[in-house]
Amino acid sequence: VNMPSKTKLHYPVACYQLKLRRNDGQGNFFSEDDRHHFYFLLREGWKRYYHSVHAFCLMRNHVHLVIQVGETPLSQIMQNLSFRYTRYINSRQKRLGHLFQGRYKAILIDKDNYLLELVRYIHCNPVRAKVCENPADYQWSSHNAYLGIQKYPWLTTKVIFSRFDRNESIAKRLYTDFVQARMDEGYRKEFHTGVFENRILGNDRFSDEVFALVDEQRPHRWSYDQLIASLCMIYGIDNKTLLDPGKRQPAAEARAVAALLVQENNHTALTDLGKIFSRDLSALSRAAGRIRERLRNDAELQGKIKTIKINLEQMSKC
C-alpha cells in the first residue's frame, strides 16, 4: 500500500483521516465475521505500532479511519492492515489479487481545529448514505463506543471527550448533543480533499509547520553494511559470527534486532536482509515479532536498540 506519489508527510503524533476503498466498487465485507476480523486487525496494528485510533466507520464498500501515529509511519501501518485483510478475504472468498488495488486516501489533519467535527462527520456517514436515521442505529462505527454502548480497547475516546469536559459522564452527554445538532449535515468537500495539495486539512500556518516538522524528521539513509557494523559493535561479535547458521546467542538476537530495524524503515527491505543473512523471510519476520514483544518489558534490549539507532544516524551522516 502506498501513499500518493508526493513526499509522504510523516512525523510523530501526526493525525490522519483515511479512506480505504475497493477500486472496482465492490464490497469490502461479505459477512459480520469479516467486519469483526477487520476489528481484530485494527487491534493487532494498534498493539504493534503504538498508534491511536480516534474514530472508524465500516461501510459496505469503503472504510473511514482517523489514526494518530507514533514513531511508525502511516504507510507501514496501512500496508500491514491492507495486506493481512486482503489475505484473509482471498482465503475466505477463494479469490486472487489485491482487494484495495494498493491505494488509500490519506489527509493529514490539524487535529486542534478539525478533529472534533471530523469525528462527528465520520459517525454520521451512515445517515448521509441513508443506511439509517441515527448514527446510534449503525453497528459498525465507533459512535456507540463514544456513547458507552460498545467497547474497543484499541479505540481512543479521551481526546474527543477532553474537548467537552474533564468529567467523562458530562463529556459523553455533551458529545451526544454535539452529534445530534448536526446529524443531517451534508457532504463536506474539505473532509475528502483537504485544503492544501489535496493532502492537508488545515490553514497555511499549519501547512508550514507540517513541512518544517517533516523536514526535521526526515531520516538519514543507513546501509546494510552500517547496520551490520553497528550490531557487531553492540553485541561484541564479528561479521562471521553474525552470519553463521544456527541459533546461538548473541548472534541470533542481533539478527532479530536487524530484522526489526529493517521492518521499521521505508528504505530497507526484509527480503534483502534475508539474502545477506541467508535466512528465510518468514523466519526473520517471526524473529522481529518476538523482539517487538520483548521490547515492552526489557529495558536492556530497549537500551541496545536505542544505541544502535544513534550509531546508524551518526554513520549515515558521515
Protein backbone atom coordinates (compact mmCIF):
# COMPACT_ATOMS: atom_id res chain seq x y z
CA VAL A 1 0.00 0.00 0.00
CA ASN A 2 1.47 3.34 -0.99
CA MET A 3 0.64 6.93 -0.28
CA PRO A 4 0.18 9.25 -3.25
CA SER A 5 3.33 9.88 -5.28
CA LYS A 6 4.18 13.11 -3.47
CA THR A 7 6.53 13.08 -0.50
CA LYS A 8 4.99 11.23 2.45
CA LEU A 9 4.08 13.58 5.26
CA HIS A 10 5.15 11.80 8.42
CA TYR A 11 6.18 12.98 11.85
CA PRO A 12 5.41 11.55 15.31
CA VAL A 13 1.84 12.30 16.56
CA ALA A 14 0.64 13.30 13.08
CA CYS A 15 -3.12 12.70 12.73
CA TYR A 16 -4.74 11.43 9.52
CA GLN A 17 -8.15 10.91 8.07
CA LEU A 18 -8.14 7.75 5.94
CA LYS A 19 -10.45 6.29 3.36
CA LEU A 20 -9.90 2.74 2.16
CA ARG A 21 -11.97 1.71 -0.85
CA ARG A 22 -12.06 -1.07 -3.43
CA ASN A 23 -11.38 0.31 -6.87
CA ASP A 24 -13.92 -1.98 -8.51
CA GLY A 25 -16.72 -0.59 -6.32
CA GLN A 26 -17.48 -3.99 -4.81
CA GLY A 27 -17.91 -4.59 -1.10
CA ASN A 28 -15.05 -4.92 1.38
CA PHE A 29 -17.15 -7.03 3.74
CA PHE A 30 -19.17 -10.12 2.92
CA SER A 31 -20.32 -11.03 6.43
CA GLU A 32 -20.29 -9.87 10.04
CA ASP A 33 -17.27 -12.15 10.58
CA ASP A 34 -15.35 -10.07 8.03
CA ARG A 35 -16.02 -6.87 9.94
CA HIS A 36 -15.03 -8.49 13.22
CA HIS A 37 -11.81 -9.71 11.60
CA PHE A 38 -11.11 -6.16 10.43
CA TYR A 39 -11.52 -5.06 14.07
CA PHE A 40 -9.08 -7.79 15.09
CA LEU A 41 -6.51 -6.46 12.60
CA LEU A 42 -7.02 -2.89 13.83
CA ARG A 43 -6.31 -4.14 17.35
CA GLU A 44 -3.21 -6.04 16.20
CA GLY A 45 -1.89 -2.96 14.42
CA TRP A 46 -2.57 -0.82 17.50
CA LYS A 47 -0.60 -3.25 19.68
CA ARG A 48 2.26 -3.48 17.20
CA TYR A 49 2.74 0.13 16.09
CA TYR A 50 1.58 2.12 19.16
CA HIS A 51 -0.75 4.46 17.26
CA SER A 52 -4.15 5.80 18.32
CA VAL A 53 -7.47 5.19 16.56
CA HIS A 54 -9.83 8.11 17.24
CA ALA A 55 -12.73 7.00 15.05
CA PHE A 56 -13.82 4.47 12.43
CA CYS A 57 -16.79 3.66 10.24
CA LEU A 58 -17.03 0.46 8.23
CA MET A 59 -19.35 0.97 5.26
CA ARG A 60 -20.12 -1.72 2.70
CA ASN A 61 -17.59 -0.66 0.07
CA HIS A 62 -15.27 1.68 1.99
CA VAL A 63 -13.78 2.32 5.40
CA HIS A 64 -13.19 5.61 7.25
CA LEU A 65 -10.47 5.80 9.89
CA VAL A 66 -8.92 8.56 11.98
CA ILE A 67 -5.45 7.49 13.09
CA GLN A 68 -2.79 9.37 15.04
CA VAL A 69 0.63 7.77 14.52
CA GLY A 70 3.55 7.32 16.88
CA GLU A 71 7.04 6.72 15.51
CA THR A 72 5.87 4.28 12.82
CA PRO A 73 4.88 5.91 9.51
CA LEU A 74 1.28 5.61 8.39
CA SER A 75 2.34 3.82 5.19
CA GLN A 76 3.70 0.90 7.20
CA ILE A 77 0.57 0.71 9.37
CA MET A 78 -1.71 0.70 6.34
CA GLN A 79 0.43 -1.75 4.39
CA ASN A 80 0.16 -4.24 7.24
CA LEU A 81 -3.60 -3.75 7.62
CA SER A 82 -4.36 -3.94 3.90
CA PHE A 83 -2.10 -6.95 3.25
CA ARG A 84 -3.47 -9.01 6.13
CA TYR A 85 -7.11 -8.21 5.41
CA THR A 86 -6.67 -8.96 1.70
CA ARG A 87 -5.06 -12.30 2.54
CA TYR A 88 -7.99 -13.11 4.83
CA ILE A 89 -10.66 -12.19 2.23
CA ASN A 90 -8.84 -14.00 -0.58
CA SER A 91 -8.76 -17.14 1.53
CA ARG A 92 -12.45 -16.86 2.50
CA GLN A 93 -13.71 -15.94 -0.97
CA LYS A 94 -11.33 -18.15 -2.99
CA ARG A 95 -10.05 -15.15 -4.94
CA LEU A 96 -6.67 -13.80 -6.00
CA GLY A 97 -5.10 -10.36 -6.27
CA HIS A 98 -5.27 -7.09 -4.37
CA LEU A 99 -8.50 -6.21 -2.61
CA PHE A 100 -7.80 -2.48 -2.40
CA GLN A 101 -5.61 -2.23 -5.52
CA GLY A 102 -2.83 -0.90 -3.28
CA ARG A 103 -4.41 2.52 -2.74
CA TYR A 104 -5.88 4.53 0.09
CA LYS A 105 -6.67 8.17 0.59
CA ALA A 106 -4.88 9.91 3.46
CA ILE A 107 -5.32 13.52 4.58
CA LEU A 108 -3.13 14.95 7.31
CA ILE A 109 -5.39 16.97 9.60
CA ASP A 110 -4.96 19.83 12.03
CA LYS A 111 -6.48 17.95 14.96
CA ASP A 112 -6.77 21.05 17.14
CA ASN A 113 -9.20 22.66 14.71
CA TYR A 114 -10.77 19.79 12.75
CA LEU A 115 -10.69 16.56 14.77
CA LEU A 116 -13.95 17.12 16.64
CA GLU A 117 -16.01 17.93 13.55
CA LEU A 118 -14.29 15.19 11.55
CA VAL A 119 -15.21 12.50 14.07
CA ARG A 120 -18.83 13.69 14.00
CA TYR A 121 -18.80 13.76 10.20
CA ILE A 122 -17.50 10.18 10.03
CA HIS A 123 -20.01 8.91 12.60
CA CYS A 124 -22.84 10.49 10.60
CA ASN A 125 -21.71 8.90 7.34
CA PRO A 126 -24.34 6.09 7.52
CA VAL A 127 -27.05 8.75 7.93
CA ARG A 128 -25.83 10.64 4.83
CA ALA A 129 -25.76 7.32 2.95
CA LYS A 130 -29.38 6.73 4.07
CA VAL A 131 -28.43 3.45 5.73
CA CYS A 132 -30.04 4.58 8.99
CA GLU A 133 -31.73 7.62 10.51
CA ASN A 134 -29.48 7.98 13.56
CA PRO A 135 -25.73 7.25 13.98
CA ALA A 136 -26.53 5.17 17.07
CA ASP A 137 -28.51 2.77 14.86
CA TYR A 138 -25.41 1.85 12.90
CA GLN A 139 -23.48 -1.04 14.43
CA TRP A 140 -20.20 -0.70 12.54
CA SER A 141 -18.83 2.68 13.61
CA SER A 142 -17.15 3.97 16.76
CA HIS A 143 -20.12 6.24 17.61
CA ASN A 144 -21.67 3.75 20.03
CA ALA A 145 -18.32 3.33 21.77
CA TYR A 146 -18.41 7.07 22.48
CA LEU A 147 -21.92 6.58 23.88
CA GLY A 148 -20.65 3.78 26.14
CA ILE A 149 -22.75 1.10 24.40
CA GLN A 150 -19.79 -0.75 22.88
CA LYS A 151 -16.17 -1.04 23.95
CA TYR A 152 -12.99 -1.42 21.91
CA PRO A 153 -9.68 -1.39 23.83
CA TRP A 154 -7.87 -0.09 20.76
CA LEU A 155 -10.15 2.96 20.34
CA THR A 156 -9.13 6.24 21.97
CA THR A 157 -12.07 8.35 23.14
CA LYS A 158 -10.30 10.51 25.74
CA VAL A 159 -9.05 13.10 23.24
CA ILE A 160 -12.55 13.87 21.96
CA PHE A 161 -14.11 13.81 25.43
CA SER A 162 -11.42 16.19 26.72
CA ARG A 163 -12.71 18.82 24.30
CA PHE A 164 -16.04 18.84 26.13
CA ASP A 165 -15.36 18.31 29.84
CA ARG A 166 -12.93 16.67 32.26
CA ASN A 167 -15.80 14.64 33.69
CA GLU A 168 -16.42 11.76 31.26
CA SER A 169 -20.13 11.48 32.04
CA ILE A 170 -20.66 15.16 31.28
CA ALA A 171 -18.40 14.95 28.23
CA LYS A 172 -20.39 11.98 26.90
CA ARG A 173 -23.65 13.90 27.19
CA LEU A 174 -22.17 16.99 25.51
CA TYR A 175 -20.68 14.82 22.74
CA THR A 176 -24.13 13.28 22.13
CA ASP A 177 -25.70 16.75 21.86
CA PHE A 178 -22.87 17.82 19.53
CA VAL A 179 -23.57 14.96 17.12
CA GLN A 180 -27.34 15.32 17.28
CA ALA A 181 -27.12 19.03 16.46
CA ARG A 182 -25.59 18.37 13.01
CA MET A 183 -26.73 14.79 12.38
CA ASP A 184 -28.19 15.70 8.98
CA GLU A 185 -25.11 17.62 7.85
CA GLY A 186 -24.42 17.19 4.13
CA TYR A 187 -21.29 16.44 2.17
CA ARG A 188 -18.23 18.50 3.14
CA LYS A 189 -15.63 18.57 0.42
CA GLU A 190 -12.72 19.56 2.70
CA PHE A 191 -13.01 16.26 4.59
CA HIS A 192 -12.45 14.38 1.34
CA THR A 193 -9.87 16.50 -0.46
CA GLY A 194 -8.17 18.60 2.21
CA VAL A 195 -7.49 22.26 1.53
CA PHE A 196 -3.79 22.15 0.60
CA GLU A 197 -2.28 19.95 -2.15
CA ASN A 198 -5.16 17.50 -1.69
CA ARG A 199 -3.42 16.04 1.37
CA ILE A 200 -3.55 18.56 4.25
CA LEU A 201 -6.60 19.80 6.14
CA GLY A 202 -5.50 22.95 7.94
CA ASN A 203 -4.65 26.60 7.35
CA ASP A 204 -1.43 28.00 5.83
CA ARG A 205 0.27 28.20 9.20
CA PHE A 206 -0.45 24.55 9.93
CA SER A 207 0.83 23.54 6.49
CA ASP A 208 4.08 25.45 7.06
CA GLU A 209 4.52 23.76 10.45
CA VAL A 210 3.90 20.34 8.88
CA PHE A 211 6.56 20.77 6.20
CA ALA A 212 9.03 22.05 8.81
CA LEU A 213 8.39 19.02 11.01
CA VAL A 214 8.60 16.59 8.09
CA ASP A 215 11.95 18.07 7.06
CA GLU A 216 13.26 17.78 10.64
CA GLN A 217 12.13 14.17 10.95
CA ARG A 218 13.40 13.02 7.54
CA PRO A 219 15.77 10.15 8.43
CA HIS A 220 19.23 9.73 7.02
CA ARG A 221 19.56 6.56 4.97
CA TRP A 222 21.84 3.99 6.50
CA SER A 223 23.17 0.98 4.61
CA TYR A 224 23.05 -2.72 5.45
CA ASP A 225 26.83 -2.63 5.96
CA GLN A 226 26.40 0.13 8.54
CA LEU A 227 23.64 -1.87 10.24
CA ILE A 228 25.88 -4.95 10.46
CA ALA A 229 28.81 -2.90 11.76
CA SER A 230 26.65 -1.36 14.49
CA LEU A 231 25.20 -4.75 15.51
CA CYS A 232 28.66 -6.31 15.75
CA MET A 233 29.88 -3.41 17.88
CA ILE A 234 26.92 -3.50 20.31
CA TYR A 235 26.83 -7.30 20.62
CA GLY A 236 30.61 -7.78 20.66
CA ILE A 237 30.71 -10.19 17.75
CA ASP A 238 32.34 -10.24 14.31
CA ASN A 239 30.72 -10.46 10.87
CA LYS A 240 31.34 -14.19 10.56
CA THR A 241 29.59 -14.94 13.87
CA LEU A 242 26.63 -12.76 12.91
CA LEU A 243 26.21 -14.51 9.57
CA ASP A 244 26.89 -18.07 10.77
CA PRO A 245 23.96 -20.53 10.66
CA GLY A 246 22.39 -21.65 13.92
CA LYS A 247 20.59 -20.01 16.81
CA ARG A 248 23.50 -19.32 19.16
CA GLN A 249 23.35 -16.15 21.23
CA PRO A 250 24.05 -13.28 21.00
CA ALA A 251 24.16 -13.55 17.17
CA ALA A 252 20.55 -14.78 16.95
CA GLU A 253 19.28 -11.78 18.93
CA ALA A 254 21.39 -9.40 16.83
CA ARG A 255 19.86 -10.81 13.62
CA ALA A 256 16.36 -10.46 15.09
CA VAL A 257 17.08 -6.83 16.04
CA ALA A 258 18.33 -6.24 12.48
CA ALA A 259 15.06 -7.65 11.11
CA LEU A 260 13.04 -5.33 13.35
CA LEU A 261 15.04 -2.24 12.35
CA VAL A 262 14.75 -3.14 8.66
CA GLN A 263 10.97 -3.55 9.01
CA GLU A 264 10.70 -0.13 10.62
CA ASN A 265 12.47 1.70 7.80
CA ASN A 266 11.00 2.74 4.46
CA HIS A 267 14.31 2.43 2.60
CA THR A 268 15.18 -1.16 3.61
CA ALA A 269 13.53 -4.49 2.87
CA LEU A 270 13.42 -7.76 4.78
CA THR A 271 13.93 -9.69 1.53
CA ASP A 272 17.34 -8.01 1.08
CA LEU A 273 18.29 -8.75 4.68
CA GLY A 274 17.28 -12.38 4.16
CA LYS A 275 19.75 -12.67 1.29
CA ILE A 276 22.54 -11.11 3.38
CA PHE A 277 21.87 -13.39 6.36
CA SER A 278 20.92 -16.41 4.20
CA ARG A 279 17.73 -16.65 6.22
CA ASP A 280 14.13 -17.36 5.29
CA LEU A 281 11.91 -14.27 5.09
CA SER A 282 9.21 -15.70 7.36
CA ALA A 283 11.81 -16.72 9.97
CA LEU A 284 13.19 -13.17 10.07
CA SER A 285 9.69 -11.74 10.34
CA ARG A 286 8.85 -14.03 13.28
CA ALA A 287 12.16 -13.14 14.97
CA ALA A 288 11.36 -9.43 14.60
CA GLY A 289 7.93 -10.05 16.12
CA ARG A 290 9.48 -11.74 19.17
CA ILE A 291 11.87 -8.82 19.64
CA ARG A 292 8.97 -6.39 19.36
CA GLU A 293 7.12 -8.21 22.16
CA ARG A 294 10.21 -8.28 24.38
CA LEU A 295 10.71 -4.55 23.93
CA ARG A 296 7.64 -3.83 26.03
CA ASN A 297 9.31 -5.01 29.24
CA ASP A 298 13.04 -5.47 28.50
CA ALA A 299 14.91 -2.28 29.46
CA GLU A 300 18.30 -3.72 28.47
CA LEU A 301 17.07 -4.55 24.97
CA GLN A 302 15.49 -1.11 24.66
CA GLY A 303 18.87 0.44 25.50
CA LYS A 304 20.70 -1.67 22.92
CA ILE A 305 18.30 -0.75 20.14
CA LYS A 306 18.39 2.92 21.07
CA THR A 307 22.20 2.87 20.91
CA ILE A 308 22.15 1.07 17.55
CA LYS A 309 19.77 3.69 16.13
CA ILE A 310 22.02 6.52 17.36
CA ASN A 311 25.05 4.81 15.80
CA LEU A 312 23.23 4.37 12.49
CA GLU A 313 22.18 8.02 12.43
CA GLN A 314 25.76 9.13 13.07
CA MET A 315 27.15 6.71 10.47
CA SER A 316 24.65 7.82 7.83
CA LYS A 317 25.58 11.47 8.30
CA CYS A 318 29.24 10.80 7.57
